[in-house]
């Protein structure tokens, strides 16, 4: 950032609270409908509902962490790890017929398409988290004013 810029001038930094809120809301959803989320977990994984609760708790904790400057960087790395860890569930959701019973018949096609689109979108989410995870500036420039 230049001397004339503030944190609000940097859209990447101003989006960290949005990222945090997104993960907190998603994490809460895991606790509100655990069986629906468990259907997305591949059958090879044991205790799917337990994994849903675990991932939901992680999303809430990491969402709060990424929204706070002091814990943003380690929380962003945690989000990257979480997104990699849940990717098999996203693949299973796209490949299986799980969505077929969840939506109206006329929406099965769009729901399946959305599940497939979500796979590369996971890369976008990882990239967004890496923006905070890799940046030393996240810790220094957000807590210290720029030198004049």
N, C-alpha and C. Protein backbone atom coordinates (compact mmCIF):
# COMPACT_ATOMS: atom_id res chain seq x y z
N UNK A 1 0.83 -1.18 0.00
CA UNK A 1 0.00 0.00 0.00
C UNK A 1 0.88 1.24 0.00
N UNK A 2 0.41 2.26 -0.65
CA UNK A 2 1.14 3.52 -0.66
C UNK A 2 0.75 4.34 0.56
N UNK A 3 1.46 5.44 0.74
CA UNK A 3 1.19 6.29 1.89
C UNK A 3 -0.22 6.86 1.88
N UNK A 4 -0.79 7.01 0.68
CA UNK A 4 -2.12 7.61 0.56
C UNK A 4 -3.25 6.60 0.75
N UNK A 5 -2.93 5.31 0.77
CA UNK A 5 -3.96 4.29 0.84
C UNK A 5 -4.23 3.89 2.28
N UNK A 6 -5.43 3.43 2.50
CA UNK A 6 -5.80 2.86 3.79
C UNK A 6 -6.24 1.43 3.55
N UNK A 7 -6.48 0.71 4.62
CA UNK A 7 -6.90 -0.68 4.47
C UNK A 7 -8.18 -0.78 3.65
N UNK A 8 -9.09 0.17 3.80
CA UNK A 8 -10.34 0.12 3.05
C UNK A 8 -10.14 0.33 1.56
N UNK A 9 -8.97 0.88 1.16
CA UNK A 9 -8.68 1.06 -0.26
C UNK A 9 -8.23 -0.24 -0.92
N UNK A 10 -7.88 -1.22 -0.13
CA UNK A 10 -7.40 -2.49 -0.64
C UNK A 10 -8.54 -3.50 -0.57
N UNK A 11 -9.18 -3.82 -1.71
CA UNK A 11 -10.34 -4.71 -1.66
C UNK A 11 -10.03 -6.08 -1.09
N UNK A 12 -8.81 -6.56 -1.27
CA UNK A 12 -8.45 -7.87 -0.72
C UNK A 12 -8.52 -7.89 0.78
N UNK A 13 -8.02 -6.87 1.40
CA UNK A 13 -8.05 -6.82 2.86
C UNK A 13 -9.47 -6.56 3.36
N UNK A 14 -10.20 -5.73 2.69
CA UNK A 14 -11.55 -5.44 3.16
C UNK A 14 -12.48 -6.63 2.99
N UNK A 15 -12.08 -7.61 2.19
CA UNK A 15 -12.91 -8.81 2.00
C UNK A 15 -12.63 -9.89 3.03
N UNK A 16 -11.61 -9.73 3.85
CA UNK A 16 -11.31 -10.74 4.88
C UNK A 16 -12.49 -10.94 5.83
N UNK A 17 -13.14 -9.89 6.31
CA UNK A 17 -14.32 -10.11 7.16
C UNK A 17 -15.45 -10.83 6.41
N UNK A 18 -15.60 -10.55 5.12
CA UNK A 18 -16.61 -11.26 4.33
C UNK A 18 -16.26 -12.74 4.24
N UNK A 19 -14.98 -13.03 4.00
CA UNK A 19 -14.55 -14.42 3.98
C UNK A 19 -14.87 -15.09 5.31
N UNK A 20 -14.55 -14.40 6.39
CA UNK A 20 -14.81 -14.95 7.71
C UNK A 20 -16.29 -15.23 7.93
N UNK A 21 -17.13 -14.27 7.59
CA UNK A 21 -18.57 -14.44 7.77
C UNK A 21 -19.10 -15.59 6.93
N UNK A 22 -18.57 -15.74 5.73
CA UNK A 22 -19.00 -16.82 4.84
C UNK A 22 -18.73 -18.18 5.49
N UNK A 23 -17.54 -18.34 6.06
CA UNK A 23 -17.20 -19.62 6.69
C UNK A 23 -17.97 -19.84 7.98
N UNK A 24 -18.22 -18.79 8.73
CA UNK A 24 -19.01 -18.94 9.96
C UNK A 24 -20.43 -19.39 9.61
N UNK A 25 -21.04 -18.76 8.63
CA UNK A 25 -22.41 -19.14 8.22
C UNK A 25 -22.42 -20.58 7.70
N UNK A 26 -21.45 -20.93 6.87
CA UNK A 26 -21.37 -22.30 6.35
C UNK A 26 -21.18 -23.29 7.50
N UNK A 27 -20.35 -22.94 8.46
CA UNK A 27 -20.12 -23.83 9.60
C UNK A 27 -21.38 -24.04 10.41
N UNK A 28 -22.13 -22.97 10.64
CA UNK A 28 -23.39 -23.08 11.38
C UNK A 28 -24.36 -23.98 10.62
N UNK A 29 -24.39 -23.85 9.31
CA UNK A 29 -25.29 -24.69 8.49
C UNK A 29 -24.99 -26.17 8.70
N UNK A 30 -23.72 -26.52 8.93
CA UNK A 30 -23.36 -27.92 9.17
C UNK A 30 -24.05 -28.45 10.43
N UNK A 31 -24.24 -27.60 11.42
CA UNK A 31 -24.89 -28.02 12.66
C UNK A 31 -26.41 -28.03 12.53
N UNK A 32 -26.95 -27.24 11.62
CA UNK A 32 -28.39 -27.18 11.44
C UNK A 32 -28.93 -28.33 10.59
N UNK A 33 -28.12 -28.84 9.68
CA UNK A 33 -28.55 -29.93 8.79
C UNK A 33 -27.43 -30.94 8.59
N UNK A 34 -26.96 -31.57 9.67
CA UNK A 34 -25.80 -32.45 9.55
C UNK A 34 -26.03 -33.66 8.65
N UNK A 35 -27.22 -34.21 8.65
CA UNK A 35 -27.47 -35.41 7.82
C UNK A 35 -27.41 -35.08 6.33
N UNK A 36 -27.86 -33.90 5.97
CA UNK A 36 -27.80 -33.51 4.55
C UNK A 36 -26.35 -33.32 4.10
N UNK A 37 -25.53 -32.73 4.96
CA UNK A 37 -24.11 -32.58 4.63
C UNK A 37 -23.42 -33.95 4.63
N UNK A 38 -23.84 -34.83 5.53
CA UNK A 38 -23.22 -36.16 5.62
C UNK A 38 -23.44 -36.97 4.35
N UNK A 39 -24.52 -36.73 3.64
CA UNK A 39 -24.78 -37.45 2.39
C UNK A 39 -23.71 -37.17 1.34
N UNK A 40 -23.04 -36.05 1.45
CA UNK A 40 -22.01 -35.69 0.48
C UNK A 40 -20.68 -36.39 0.75
N UNK A 41 -20.53 -36.96 1.94
CA UNK A 41 -19.27 -37.60 2.30
C UNK A 41 -19.19 -38.98 1.66
N UNK A 42 -18.08 -39.29 1.00
CA UNK A 42 -17.94 -40.60 0.36
C UNK A 42 -18.12 -41.73 1.36
N UNK A 43 -18.72 -42.84 0.94
CA UNK A 43 -18.99 -43.96 1.85
C UNK A 43 -17.74 -44.54 2.51
N UNK A 44 -16.58 -44.36 1.92
CA UNK A 44 -15.34 -44.90 2.48
C UNK A 44 -14.93 -44.21 3.79
N UNK A 45 -15.48 -43.03 4.04
CA UNK A 45 -15.12 -42.29 5.25
C UNK A 45 -16.04 -42.70 6.40
N UNK A 46 -15.47 -43.03 7.56
CA UNK A 46 -16.30 -43.44 8.70
C UNK A 46 -16.97 -42.25 9.38
N UNK A 47 -18.06 -42.51 10.05
CA UNK A 47 -18.78 -41.52 10.86
C UNK A 47 -19.00 -40.20 10.13
N UNK A 48 -19.77 -40.22 9.07
CA UNK A 48 -19.96 -38.99 8.29
C UNK A 48 -20.57 -37.83 9.07
N UNK A 49 -21.51 -38.10 9.96
CA UNK A 49 -22.11 -37.00 10.72
C UNK A 49 -21.07 -36.38 11.65
N UNK A 50 -20.22 -37.19 12.24
CA UNK A 50 -19.14 -36.67 13.07
C UNK A 50 -18.19 -35.80 12.27
N UNK A 51 -17.90 -36.22 11.05
CA UNK A 51 -17.04 -35.42 10.18
C UNK A 51 -17.70 -34.09 9.81
N UNK A 52 -19.02 -34.12 9.65
CA UNK A 52 -19.75 -32.88 9.36
C UNK A 52 -19.63 -31.92 10.53
N UNK A 53 -19.83 -32.43 11.75
CA UNK A 53 -19.69 -31.57 12.92
C UNK A 53 -18.26 -31.02 13.04
N UNK A 54 -17.29 -31.88 12.78
CA UNK A 54 -15.89 -31.46 12.86
C UNK A 54 -15.58 -30.36 11.83
N UNK A 55 -16.02 -30.58 10.59
CA UNK A 55 -15.76 -29.57 9.56
C UNK A 55 -16.55 -28.29 9.83
N UNK A 56 -17.75 -28.42 10.36
CA UNK A 56 -18.53 -27.24 10.71
C UNK A 56 -17.86 -26.42 11.81
N UNK A 57 -17.36 -27.10 12.83
CA UNK A 57 -16.66 -26.40 13.91
C UNK A 57 -15.39 -25.73 13.37
N UNK A 58 -14.69 -26.42 12.48
CA UNK A 58 -13.48 -25.85 11.88
C UNK A 58 -13.83 -24.61 11.06
N UNK A 59 -14.91 -24.67 10.30
CA UNK A 59 -15.30 -23.52 9.49
C UNK A 59 -15.64 -22.31 10.37
N UNK A 60 -16.32 -22.56 11.46
CA UNK A 60 -16.67 -21.46 12.37
C UNK A 60 -15.39 -20.85 12.97
N UNK A 61 -14.53 -21.70 13.51
CA UNK A 61 -13.30 -21.21 14.15
C UNK A 61 -12.40 -20.49 13.14
N UNK A 62 -12.23 -21.08 11.97
CA UNK A 62 -11.36 -20.47 10.96
C UNK A 62 -11.98 -19.20 10.39
N UNK A 63 -13.30 -19.18 10.28
CA UNK A 63 -13.98 -17.98 9.81
C UNK A 63 -13.78 -16.81 10.75
N UNK A 64 -13.91 -17.08 12.04
CA UNK A 64 -13.65 -16.02 13.03
C UNK A 64 -12.18 -15.61 12.95
N UNK A 65 -11.30 -16.60 12.86
CA UNK A 65 -9.87 -16.31 12.83
C UNK A 65 -9.43 -15.49 11.63
N UNK A 66 -9.97 -15.78 10.46
CA UNK A 66 -9.56 -15.05 9.26
C UNK A 66 -10.11 -13.62 9.26
N UNK A 67 -11.17 -13.40 9.99
CA UNK A 67 -11.74 -12.05 10.07
C UNK A 67 -10.93 -11.13 10.99
N UNK A 68 -10.14 -11.73 11.85
CA UNK A 68 -9.34 -10.95 12.80
C UNK A 68 -7.91 -10.81 12.30
N UNK A 69 -7.40 -9.61 12.30
CA UNK A 69 -6.05 -9.36 11.76
C UNK A 69 -4.98 -10.23 12.42
N UNK A 70 -5.04 -10.35 13.72
CA UNK A 70 -3.99 -11.04 14.45
C UNK A 70 -3.91 -12.53 14.10
N UNK A 71 -5.03 -13.13 13.78
CA UNK A 71 -5.05 -14.57 13.48
C UNK A 71 -5.34 -14.87 12.01
N UNK A 72 -5.35 -13.85 11.19
CA UNK A 72 -5.74 -14.01 9.78
C UNK A 72 -4.85 -15.00 9.04
N UNK A 73 -3.55 -14.85 9.14
CA UNK A 73 -2.64 -15.68 8.35
C UNK A 73 -2.75 -17.17 8.72
N UNK A 74 -2.62 -17.55 10.00
CA UNK A 74 -2.75 -18.98 10.31
C UNK A 74 -4.15 -19.52 10.01
N UNK A 75 -5.15 -18.69 10.20
CA UNK A 75 -6.52 -19.14 9.89
C UNK A 75 -6.70 -19.36 8.40
N UNK A 76 -6.08 -18.50 7.60
CA UNK A 76 -6.16 -18.68 6.14
C UNK A 76 -5.50 -19.98 5.73
N UNK A 77 -4.36 -20.32 6.34
CA UNK A 77 -3.73 -21.62 6.04
C UNK A 77 -4.67 -22.76 6.46
N UNK A 78 -5.36 -22.58 7.58
CA UNK A 78 -6.33 -23.59 8.01
C UNK A 78 -7.47 -23.74 7.02
N UNK A 79 -7.92 -22.64 6.44
CA UNK A 79 -8.97 -22.70 5.43
C UNK A 79 -8.48 -23.44 4.19
N UNK A 80 -7.24 -23.18 3.79
CA UNK A 80 -6.68 -23.91 2.64
C UNK A 80 -6.70 -25.41 2.94
N UNK A 81 -6.23 -25.80 4.12
CA UNK A 81 -6.21 -27.22 4.49
C UNK A 81 -7.63 -27.79 4.53
N UNK A 82 -8.56 -27.04 5.07
CA UNK A 82 -9.95 -27.50 5.14
C UNK A 82 -10.54 -27.70 3.75
N UNK A 83 -10.29 -26.76 2.86
CA UNK A 83 -10.82 -26.88 1.50
C UNK A 83 -10.24 -28.09 0.78
N UNK A 84 -8.98 -28.38 1.02
CA UNK A 84 -8.37 -29.59 0.43
C UNK A 84 -9.00 -30.83 1.06
N UNK A 85 -9.20 -30.81 2.37
CA UNK A 85 -9.75 -31.96 3.08
C UNK A 85 -11.18 -32.30 2.65
N UNK A 86 -11.99 -31.29 2.36
CA UNK A 86 -13.39 -31.55 2.00
C UNK A 86 -13.58 -31.78 0.50
N UNK A 87 -12.52 -31.64 -0.27
CA UNK A 87 -12.66 -31.80 -1.72
C UNK A 87 -13.21 -33.17 -2.11
N UNK A 88 -12.79 -34.28 -1.46
CA UNK A 88 -13.40 -35.57 -1.82
C UNK A 88 -14.92 -35.58 -1.65
N UNK A 89 -15.44 -34.87 -0.67
CA UNK A 89 -16.89 -34.80 -0.50
C UNK A 89 -17.53 -34.04 -1.66
N UNK A 90 -16.86 -33.00 -2.14
CA UNK A 90 -17.40 -32.25 -3.28
C UNK A 90 -17.39 -33.10 -4.54
N UNK A 91 -16.34 -33.89 -4.72
CA UNK A 91 -16.27 -34.79 -5.88
C UNK A 91 -17.38 -35.84 -5.77
N UNK A 92 -17.55 -36.40 -4.59
CA UNK A 92 -18.59 -37.41 -4.39
C UNK A 92 -19.98 -36.81 -4.66
N UNK A 93 -20.20 -35.61 -4.21
CA UNK A 93 -21.48 -34.94 -4.44
C UNK A 93 -21.75 -34.78 -5.93
N UNK A 94 -20.71 -34.42 -6.68
CA UNK A 94 -20.87 -34.22 -8.13
C UNK A 94 -21.07 -35.54 -8.86
N UNK A 95 -20.38 -36.59 -8.44
CA UNK A 95 -20.41 -37.87 -9.16
C UNK A 95 -21.58 -38.76 -8.77
N UNK A 96 -22.06 -38.62 -7.55
CA UNK A 96 -23.13 -39.51 -7.08
C UNK A 96 -24.50 -38.94 -7.43
N UNK A 97 -25.52 -39.66 -7.10
CA UNK A 97 -26.88 -39.19 -7.33
C UNK A 97 -27.49 -38.55 -6.09
N UNK A 98 -26.65 -38.13 -5.16
CA UNK A 98 -27.14 -37.57 -3.89
C UNK A 98 -28.08 -36.40 -4.12
N UNK A 99 -27.75 -35.54 -5.06
CA UNK A 99 -28.57 -34.35 -5.29
C UNK A 99 -29.93 -34.66 -5.90
N UNK A 100 -30.04 -35.80 -6.56
CA UNK A 100 -31.28 -36.14 -7.26
C UNK A 100 -32.49 -36.17 -6.33
N UNK A 101 -32.29 -36.64 -5.11
CA UNK A 101 -33.39 -36.74 -4.16
C UNK A 101 -33.60 -35.46 -3.36
N UNK A 102 -32.70 -34.52 -3.49
CA UNK A 102 -32.78 -33.28 -2.71
C UNK A 102 -33.54 -32.17 -3.40
N UNK A 103 -33.66 -32.24 -4.70
CA UNK A 103 -34.25 -31.12 -5.45
C UNK A 103 -35.44 -31.60 -6.27
N UNK A 104 -36.25 -30.66 -6.72
CA UNK A 104 -37.36 -30.98 -7.61
C UNK A 104 -36.82 -31.59 -8.90
N UNK A 105 -37.60 -32.45 -9.51
CA UNK A 105 -37.15 -33.14 -10.73
C UNK A 105 -36.63 -32.17 -11.79
N UNK A 106 -37.31 -31.05 -11.97
CA UNK A 106 -36.89 -30.11 -13.01
C UNK A 106 -35.58 -29.40 -12.67
N UNK A 107 -35.14 -29.50 -11.41
CA UNK A 107 -33.90 -28.84 -10.98
C UNK A 107 -32.72 -29.79 -10.83
N UNK A 108 -32.93 -31.07 -11.12
CA UNK A 108 -31.84 -32.04 -10.98
C UNK A 108 -30.66 -31.67 -11.89
N UNK A 109 -30.94 -31.35 -13.14
CA UNK A 109 -29.86 -30.99 -14.07
C UNK A 109 -29.06 -29.79 -13.61
N UNK A 110 -29.74 -28.67 -13.28
CA UNK A 110 -28.99 -27.51 -12.78
C UNK A 110 -28.23 -27.80 -11.48
N UNK A 111 -28.81 -28.62 -10.60
CA UNK A 111 -28.12 -28.96 -9.34
C UNK A 111 -26.86 -29.76 -9.62
N UNK A 112 -26.95 -30.70 -10.55
CA UNK A 112 -25.76 -31.48 -10.91
C UNK A 112 -24.70 -30.58 -11.54
N UNK A 113 -25.13 -29.68 -12.41
CA UNK A 113 -24.19 -28.75 -13.04
C UNK A 113 -23.50 -27.88 -11.98
N UNK A 114 -24.27 -27.39 -11.03
CA UNK A 114 -23.70 -26.57 -9.95
C UNK A 114 -22.67 -27.36 -9.15
N UNK A 115 -22.94 -28.64 -8.91
CA UNK A 115 -21.98 -29.47 -8.17
C UNK A 115 -20.68 -29.62 -8.95
N UNK A 116 -20.76 -29.75 -10.26
CA UNK A 116 -19.54 -29.85 -11.08
C UNK A 116 -18.81 -28.52 -11.15
N UNK A 117 -19.55 -27.43 -11.23
CA UNK A 117 -18.93 -26.10 -11.27
C UNK A 117 -18.22 -25.80 -9.95
N UNK A 118 -18.76 -26.36 -8.88
CA UNK A 118 -18.16 -26.13 -7.57
C UNK A 118 -16.73 -26.67 -7.49
N UNK A 119 -16.44 -27.70 -8.23
CA UNK A 119 -15.10 -28.31 -8.15
C UNK A 119 -14.00 -27.31 -8.53
N UNK A 120 -14.04 -26.69 -9.70
CA UNK A 120 -12.99 -25.69 -9.97
C UNK A 120 -13.13 -24.44 -9.11
N UNK A 121 -14.34 -24.14 -8.66
CA UNK A 121 -14.53 -22.98 -7.79
C UNK A 121 -13.79 -23.18 -6.47
N UNK A 122 -13.61 -24.44 -6.08
CA UNK A 122 -12.83 -24.73 -4.87
C UNK A 122 -11.42 -24.14 -5.01
N UNK A 123 -10.88 -24.18 -6.22
CA UNK A 123 -9.57 -23.58 -6.48
C UNK A 123 -9.59 -22.07 -6.28
N UNK A 124 -10.69 -21.44 -6.67
CA UNK A 124 -10.84 -20.00 -6.46
C UNK A 124 -10.85 -19.69 -4.96
N UNK A 125 -11.58 -20.50 -4.20
CA UNK A 125 -11.63 -20.29 -2.75
C UNK A 125 -10.26 -20.50 -2.11
N UNK A 126 -9.54 -21.50 -2.59
CA UNK A 126 -8.18 -21.74 -2.09
C UNK A 126 -7.29 -20.54 -2.42
N UNK A 127 -7.40 -20.03 -3.63
CA UNK A 127 -6.62 -18.86 -4.02
C UNK A 127 -6.94 -17.65 -3.15
N UNK A 128 -8.21 -17.47 -2.85
CA UNK A 128 -8.62 -16.36 -1.99
C UNK A 128 -7.97 -16.49 -0.61
N UNK A 129 -8.02 -17.70 -0.05
CA UNK A 129 -7.41 -17.92 1.26
C UNK A 129 -5.89 -17.75 1.20
N UNK A 130 -5.29 -18.22 0.12
CA UNK A 130 -3.83 -18.08 -0.02
C UNK A 130 -3.41 -16.62 -0.07
N UNK A 131 -4.27 -15.76 -0.51
CA UNK A 131 -3.96 -14.33 -0.56
C UNK A 131 -3.62 -13.82 0.84
N UNK A 132 -4.29 -14.36 1.84
CA UNK A 132 -4.01 -13.98 3.22
C UNK A 132 -2.96 -14.88 3.86
N UNK A 133 -2.92 -16.14 3.48
CA UNK A 133 -1.99 -17.09 4.08
C UNK A 133 -0.54 -16.79 3.73
N UNK A 134 -0.29 -16.40 2.50
CA UNK A 134 1.08 -16.20 2.02
C UNK A 134 1.64 -14.83 2.30
N UNK A 135 0.81 -13.89 2.56
CA UNK A 135 1.25 -12.50 2.63
C UNK A 135 1.79 -12.13 4.00
N UNK A 136 3.08 -11.80 4.06
CA UNK A 136 3.64 -11.25 5.29
C UNK A 136 3.04 -9.88 5.56
N UNK A 137 2.60 -9.21 4.50
CA UNK A 137 1.99 -7.90 4.65
C UNK A 137 0.71 -7.97 5.47
N UNK A 138 0.05 -9.13 5.45
CA UNK A 138 -1.18 -9.28 6.23
C UNK A 138 -0.90 -8.98 7.69
N UNK A 139 0.26 -9.40 8.17
CA UNK A 139 0.60 -9.18 9.56
C UNK A 139 1.25 -7.82 9.79
N UNK A 140 2.10 -7.38 8.89
CA UNK A 140 2.85 -6.16 9.15
C UNK A 140 2.11 -4.90 8.73
N UNK A 141 1.67 -4.83 7.49
CA UNK A 141 1.08 -3.57 7.03
C UNK A 141 -0.29 -3.31 7.61
N UNK A 142 -0.95 -4.33 8.12
CA UNK A 142 -2.26 -4.09 8.71
C UNK A 142 -2.15 -3.63 10.16
N UNK A 143 -1.01 -3.87 10.78
CA UNK A 143 -0.87 -3.47 12.17
C UNK A 143 0.04 -2.27 12.34
N UNK A 144 0.84 -1.98 11.32
CA UNK A 144 1.76 -0.86 11.40
C UNK A 144 1.47 0.13 10.28
N UNK A 145 1.52 1.41 10.57
CA UNK A 145 1.31 2.39 9.49
C UNK A 145 2.48 2.35 8.52
N UNK A 146 2.20 2.72 7.27
CA UNK A 146 3.25 2.78 6.26
C UNK A 146 4.26 3.86 6.63
N UNK A 147 5.51 3.59 6.31
CA UNK A 147 6.55 4.60 6.56
C UNK A 147 6.39 5.73 5.55
N UNK A 148 6.56 6.94 5.99
CA UNK A 148 6.41 8.10 5.10
C UNK A 148 7.68 8.35 4.32
